[in-house]
Structure formats: C-alpha cells, structure tokens
Amino acid sequence: MSDDAARIVSDFVRLAQSNLDDPEQMIITDAQLAAAMSAAVKLYASRCEASASFPPPLNRQSVTATDVLVAVCEMIRVADVNLFDLSMWHGRPRPN
C-alpha cells in the first residue's frame, strides 16, 4: 500500500471512530458512508476474484456479530438478494 493510501485509510478509520464516539455529531453523512462502503465492498470482491482467495474482510476484534448482521441484512436488501440466492453463494466451493 502506498504511503498516501495508508494515510487515507488511517484518516477514514479515525474519522469513523470519532463518529462512533459521538454519534450525535454525524461527522460522516449517510451518503458518504454509503459511498465508502460501496467502494470497500467492490474492492474486496474484486480482490477476491482476482486472487482466488478470501482474506478476512473484517477484524474480528473490532466488530460484533450484531454489527455484522445489521450491515449484512441491509446490504442484502439493497442488492435485492433473497436468502435462497445467499445460501447458494455461501455454499459454493472456494479455492483452497
């Protein structure tokens, strides 16, 4: 990762954390958060397909199961994916 990319990611993480520390401030707008999440999801999917590997997309120590489920449920709704499709994708073979 270039120094610029590392700095930008670090700045975003710090900004997001400050929003968590004081949710009333709403430092990041809904549209900005949607743009960041959309870019991150597309980057992760593209990297997985290009490398045929599936590195952990989250740091297990920094999110709860509730955090993940809230985000995943809304992502499923936005993408108009049904649970049957999700179960098929989840059950597909993965490279070693």
N, C-alpha and C. Protein backbone atom coordinates (compact mmCIF):
# COMPACT_ATOMS: atom_id res chain seq x y z
N MET A 1 0.85 -1.17 0.00
CA MET A 1 0.00 0.00 0.00
C MET A 1 0.90 1.23 0.00
N SER A 2 0.59 2.17 -0.83
CA SER A 2 1.39 3.39 -0.86
C SER A 2 1.19 4.17 0.42
N ASP A 3 2.13 5.07 0.69
CA ASP A 3 2.01 5.90 1.89
C ASP A 3 0.74 6.73 1.87
N ASP A 4 0.37 7.24 0.68
CA ASP A 4 -0.86 8.04 0.56
C ASP A 4 -2.09 7.20 0.89
N ALA A 5 -2.15 5.99 0.34
CA ALA A 5 -3.30 5.12 0.59
C ALA A 5 -3.38 4.76 2.07
N ALA A 6 -2.25 4.45 2.67
CA ALA A 6 -2.23 4.10 4.10
C ALA A 6 -2.72 5.27 4.94
N ARG A 7 -2.30 6.47 4.58
CA ARG A 7 -2.72 7.66 5.32
C ARG A 7 -4.22 7.90 5.17
N ILE A 8 -4.72 7.74 3.96
CA ILE A 8 -6.15 7.96 3.70
C ILE A 8 -7.00 6.96 4.48
N VAL A 9 -6.59 5.69 4.45
CA VAL A 9 -7.33 4.67 5.19
C VAL A 9 -7.28 4.97 6.68
N SER A 10 -6.12 5.32 7.17
CA SER A 10 -5.97 5.65 8.60
C SER A 10 -6.84 6.85 8.97
N ASP A 11 -6.87 7.87 8.12
CA ASP A 11 -7.71 9.05 8.37
C ASP A 11 -9.18 8.67 8.41
N PHE A 12 -9.62 7.81 7.48
CA PHE A 12 -11.02 7.40 7.46
C PHE A 12 -11.37 6.62 8.74
N VAL A 13 -10.50 5.71 9.14
CA VAL A 13 -10.75 4.93 10.35
C VAL A 13 -10.86 5.86 11.55
N ARG A 14 -9.97 6.82 11.65
CA ARG A 14 -10.00 7.78 12.75
C ARG A 14 -11.30 8.61 12.72
N LEU A 15 -11.71 9.04 11.53
CA LEU A 15 -12.94 9.81 11.38
C LEU A 15 -14.15 8.97 11.77
N ALA A 16 -14.18 7.72 11.32
CA ALA A 16 -15.29 6.83 11.66
C ALA A 16 -15.34 6.60 13.17
N GLN A 17 -14.18 6.40 13.79
CA GLN A 17 -14.15 6.19 15.24
C GLN A 17 -14.67 7.41 15.97
N SER A 18 -14.32 8.60 15.50
CA SER A 18 -14.81 9.81 16.17
C SER A 18 -16.33 9.92 16.03
N ASN A 19 -16.87 9.41 14.92
CA ASN A 19 -18.33 9.39 14.76
C ASN A 19 -18.96 8.40 15.73
N LEU A 20 -18.30 7.28 15.98
CA LEU A 20 -18.80 6.30 16.95
C LEU A 20 -18.75 6.85 18.36
N ASP A 21 -17.71 7.63 18.66
CA ASP A 21 -17.54 8.20 19.99
C ASP A 21 -18.60 9.26 20.29
N ASP A 22 -19.10 9.94 19.26
CA ASP A 22 -20.11 10.97 19.44
C ASP A 22 -21.11 10.91 18.29
N PRO A 23 -22.03 9.91 18.31
CA PRO A 23 -22.96 9.70 17.19
C PRO A 23 -23.86 10.90 16.91
N GLU A 24 -24.06 11.76 17.89
CA GLU A 24 -24.91 12.94 17.68
C GLU A 24 -24.28 13.91 16.68
N GLN A 25 -22.97 13.87 16.53
CA GLN A 25 -22.28 14.79 15.63
C GLN A 25 -22.49 14.45 14.16
N MET A 26 -22.69 13.16 13.86
CA MET A 26 -22.88 12.72 12.47
C MET A 26 -21.84 13.32 11.55
N ILE A 27 -20.58 13.08 11.87
CA ILE A 27 -19.46 13.62 11.09
C ILE A 27 -19.50 13.11 9.66
N ILE A 28 -19.85 11.84 9.50
CA ILE A 28 -19.95 11.22 8.17
C ILE A 28 -21.43 11.15 7.81
N THR A 29 -21.79 11.68 6.66
CA THR A 29 -23.20 11.64 6.25
C THR A 29 -23.57 10.23 5.77
N ASP A 30 -24.85 9.96 5.67
CA ASP A 30 -25.31 8.67 5.16
C ASP A 30 -24.78 8.43 3.75
N ALA A 31 -24.81 9.46 2.91
CA ALA A 31 -24.34 9.32 1.52
C ALA A 31 -22.84 9.03 1.48
N GLN A 32 -22.07 9.71 2.33
CA GLN A 32 -20.63 9.46 2.38
C GLN A 32 -20.32 8.05 2.86
N LEU A 33 -21.05 7.61 3.88
CA LEU A 33 -20.85 6.26 4.39
C LEU A 33 -21.23 5.22 3.34
N ALA A 34 -22.32 5.44 2.61
CA ALA A 34 -22.73 4.52 1.55
C ALA A 34 -21.67 4.47 0.45
N ALA A 35 -21.09 5.61 0.10
CA ALA A 35 -20.05 5.64 -0.93
C ALA A 35 -18.81 4.88 -0.46
N ALA A 36 -18.42 5.07 0.79
CA ALA A 36 -17.24 4.38 1.33
C ALA A 36 -17.48 2.88 1.41
N MET A 37 -18.65 2.48 1.89
CA MET A 37 -18.95 1.04 1.99
C MET A 37 -19.06 0.41 0.62
N SER A 38 -19.67 1.11 -0.33
CA SER A 38 -19.79 0.59 -1.69
C SER A 38 -18.41 0.35 -2.29
N ALA A 39 -17.54 1.33 -2.13
CA ALA A 39 -16.18 1.19 -2.66
C ALA A 39 -15.44 0.05 -1.98
N ALA A 40 -15.58 -0.07 -0.67
CA ALA A 40 -14.89 -1.14 0.07
C ALA A 40 -15.41 -2.51 -0.34
N VAL A 41 -16.71 -2.65 -0.50
CA VAL A 41 -17.29 -3.94 -0.90
C VAL A 41 -16.83 -4.32 -2.30
N LYS A 42 -16.86 -3.35 -3.22
CA LYS A 42 -16.41 -3.63 -4.59
C LYS A 42 -14.92 -3.98 -4.63
N LEU A 43 -14.11 -3.27 -3.85
CA LEU A 43 -12.68 -3.55 -3.79
C LEU A 43 -12.43 -4.95 -3.24
N TYR A 44 -13.14 -5.31 -2.18
CA TYR A 44 -12.96 -6.64 -1.58
C TYR A 44 -13.36 -7.74 -2.58
N ALA A 45 -14.52 -7.60 -3.20
CA ALA A 45 -14.98 -8.61 -4.16
C ALA A 45 -14.03 -8.73 -5.34
N SER A 46 -13.56 -7.59 -5.85
CA SER A 46 -12.64 -7.60 -6.97
C SER A 46 -11.33 -8.29 -6.60
N ARG A 47 -10.82 -7.99 -5.42
CA ARG A 47 -9.57 -8.60 -4.96
C ARG A 47 -9.73 -10.10 -4.79
N CYS A 48 -10.86 -10.54 -4.24
CA CYS A 48 -11.10 -11.98 -4.06
C CYS A 48 -11.15 -12.68 -5.41
N GLU A 49 -11.86 -12.11 -6.36
CA GLU A 49 -11.96 -12.73 -7.68
C GLU A 49 -10.62 -12.76 -8.39
N ALA A 50 -9.86 -11.69 -8.28
CA ALA A 50 -8.57 -11.61 -8.98
C ALA A 50 -7.53 -12.56 -8.38
N SER A 51 -7.57 -12.73 -7.07
CA SER A 51 -6.56 -13.55 -6.41
C SER A 51 -7.03 -14.96 -6.09
N ALA A 52 -8.33 -15.23 -6.30
CA ALA A 52 -8.92 -16.53 -5.96
C ALA A 52 -8.66 -16.89 -4.50
N SER A 53 -8.66 -15.88 -3.65
CA SER A 53 -8.53 -16.12 -2.21
C SER A 53 -9.52 -15.21 -1.48
N PHE A 54 -9.82 -15.58 -0.26
CA PHE A 54 -10.83 -14.86 0.51
C PHE A 54 -10.26 -14.46 1.88
N PRO A 55 -9.45 -13.41 1.92
CA PRO A 55 -8.91 -12.98 3.21
C PRO A 55 -10.05 -12.44 4.08
N PRO A 56 -9.89 -12.48 5.39
CA PRO A 56 -10.96 -11.96 6.26
C PRO A 56 -11.28 -10.50 5.91
N PRO A 57 -12.54 -10.19 5.66
CA PRO A 57 -12.90 -8.82 5.28
C PRO A 57 -13.03 -7.88 6.48
N LEU A 58 -13.02 -8.46 7.68
CA LEU A 58 -13.19 -7.67 8.90
C LEU A 58 -12.18 -8.11 9.94
N ASN A 59 -11.94 -7.24 10.88
CA ASN A 59 -11.12 -7.58 12.03
C ASN A 59 -12.07 -8.07 13.11
N ARG A 60 -12.01 -9.34 13.42
CA ARG A 60 -12.94 -9.96 14.35
C ARG A 60 -13.00 -9.24 15.70
N GLN A 61 -11.89 -8.67 16.12
CA GLN A 61 -11.85 -7.99 17.42
C GLN A 61 -12.51 -6.61 17.38
N SER A 62 -12.75 -6.07 16.20
CA SER A 62 -13.28 -4.70 16.14
C SER A 62 -14.77 -4.62 15.80
N VAL A 63 -15.41 -5.74 15.50
CA VAL A 63 -16.84 -5.74 15.22
C VAL A 63 -17.54 -6.82 16.03
N THR A 64 -18.81 -6.60 16.29
CA THR A 64 -19.62 -7.61 16.97
C THR A 64 -20.47 -8.35 15.94
N ALA A 65 -21.04 -9.46 16.36
CA ALA A 65 -21.96 -10.18 15.48
C ALA A 65 -23.13 -9.28 15.11
N THR A 66 -23.61 -8.48 16.04
CA THR A 66 -24.71 -7.56 15.75
C THR A 66 -24.30 -6.54 14.69
N ASP A 67 -23.09 -5.99 14.82
CA ASP A 67 -22.60 -5.04 13.80
C ASP A 67 -22.66 -5.68 12.42
N VAL A 68 -22.14 -6.89 12.32
CA VAL A 68 -22.08 -7.59 11.03
C VAL A 68 -23.49 -7.86 10.51
N LEU A 69 -24.37 -8.37 11.35
CA LEU A 69 -25.71 -8.73 10.89
C LEU A 69 -26.52 -7.51 10.47
N VAL A 70 -26.40 -6.42 11.19
CA VAL A 70 -27.12 -5.20 10.79
C VAL A 70 -26.66 -4.77 9.40
N ALA A 71 -25.35 -4.72 9.20
CA ALA A 71 -24.81 -4.28 7.89
C ALA A 71 -25.17 -5.27 6.79
N VAL A 72 -24.98 -6.56 7.04
CA VAL A 72 -25.25 -7.57 6.02
C VAL A 72 -26.72 -7.59 5.63
N CYS A 73 -27.61 -7.51 6.60
CA CYS A 73 -29.05 -7.51 6.28
C CYS A 73 -29.42 -6.34 5.38
N GLU A 74 -28.89 -5.16 5.68
CA GLU A 74 -29.20 -4.00 4.84
C GLU A 74 -28.55 -4.12 3.47
N MET A 75 -27.35 -4.69 3.40
CA MET A 75 -26.70 -4.89 2.10
C MET A 75 -27.50 -5.87 1.26
N ILE A 76 -28.03 -6.92 1.87
CA ILE A 76 -28.86 -7.90 1.16
C ILE A 76 -30.12 -7.23 0.62
N ARG A 77 -30.72 -6.38 1.44
CA ARG A 77 -31.94 -5.67 0.98
C ARG A 77 -31.62 -4.75 -0.20
N VAL A 78 -30.55 -3.97 -0.07
CA VAL A 78 -30.19 -3.01 -1.13
C VAL A 78 -29.87 -3.73 -2.43
N ALA A 79 -29.17 -4.85 -2.33
CA ALA A 79 -28.78 -5.60 -3.53
C ALA A 79 -29.91 -6.47 -4.06
N ASP A 80 -31.04 -6.48 -3.36
CA ASP A 80 -32.21 -7.27 -3.75
C ASP A 80 -31.85 -8.76 -3.91
N VAL A 81 -31.11 -9.27 -2.92
CA VAL A 81 -30.73 -10.68 -2.88
C VAL A 81 -31.70 -11.39 -1.95
N ASN A 82 -32.16 -12.55 -2.36
CA ASN A 82 -33.02 -13.31 -1.45
C ASN A 82 -32.19 -14.35 -0.71
N LEU A 83 -32.74 -14.91 0.34
CA LEU A 83 -31.96 -15.84 1.17
C LEU A 83 -31.62 -17.13 0.44
N PHE A 84 -32.43 -17.53 -0.53
CA PHE A 84 -32.09 -18.72 -1.33
C PHE A 84 -30.81 -18.46 -2.12
N ASP A 85 -30.75 -17.29 -2.79
CA ASP A 85 -29.54 -16.93 -3.53
C ASP A 85 -28.33 -16.85 -2.60
N LEU A 86 -28.53 -16.27 -1.44
CA LEU A 86 -27.44 -16.15 -0.48
C LEU A 86 -26.94 -17.53 -0.06
N SER A 87 -27.85 -18.47 0.19
CA SER A 87 -27.42 -19.81 0.61
C SER A 87 -26.66 -20.51 -0.52
N MET A 88 -27.04 -20.27 -1.76
CA MET A 88 -26.31 -20.87 -2.88
C MET A 88 -24.89 -20.30 -2.96
N TRP A 89 -24.75 -18.99 -2.82
CA TRP A 89 -23.43 -18.36 -2.87
C TRP A 89 -22.58 -18.83 -1.69
N HIS A 90 -23.21 -18.91 -0.53
CA HIS A 90 -22.48 -19.31 0.68
C HIS A 90 -21.98 -20.75 0.57
N GLY A 91 -22.72 -21.60 -0.13
CA GLY A 91 -22.36 -23.00 -0.26
C GLY A 91 -21.45 -23.30 -1.44
N ARG A 92 -21.12 -22.31 -2.24
CA ARG A 92 -20.28 -22.58 -3.41
C ARG A 92 -18.86 -22.94 -2.98
N PRO A 93 -18.20 -23.78 -3.76
CA PRO A 93 -16.82 -24.15 -3.41
C PRO A 93 -15.89 -22.95 -3.47
N ARG A 94 -14.93 -22.92 -2.57
CA ARG A 94 -13.92 -21.86 -2.54
C ARG A 94 -12.57 -22.48 -2.82
N PRO A 95 -11.68 -21.70 -3.42
CA PRO A 95 -10.33 -22.23 -3.63
C PRO A 95 -9.65 -22.50 -2.29
N ASN A 96 -8.71 -23.41 -2.31
CA ASN A 96 -8.02 -23.77 -1.05
C ASN A 96 -7.26 -22.62 -0.49
